[in-house]
Amino acid sequence: MMPYKMQVAVVGFVLLISAIGYGGLAYISWPDAIKAFERKEIVMGAVRVYIWPARFLLPCAMVLTSLVCLLLFFRLLFKPRARAELVSVHTAENDHGAD
């Protein structure tokens, strides 16, 4: 098992990389959502279905996920109690519902 400080560093690194990755995905997918909105994209069939609102789900979800990662990162840095929760190792003895 890694030392506690190393665990904190690894968790912090993963949270930062995740926030950057999710932010990048949001940045990449946002222009497609805007284009779909400008064109008012629809699916033609027996009923018109507007699909442009669904194009905003991905960038919005990625932004929110990135913000959650950043929030967890700052909690890791500044709140010792949260740090202990984020770094805690779940073993078979600690997981009461695990088989």
Foldseek 3Di string as FASTA:
>chain_A
DDDLVVLLVVLLVVLQVLLVVLQVQLVVLVVVLVVLVVVQDWDDDPDTGRCSVVSNPSSVVSNVSSVVSVVLSVCCVPPPVSVCVSRPDDDPVNDPPDD
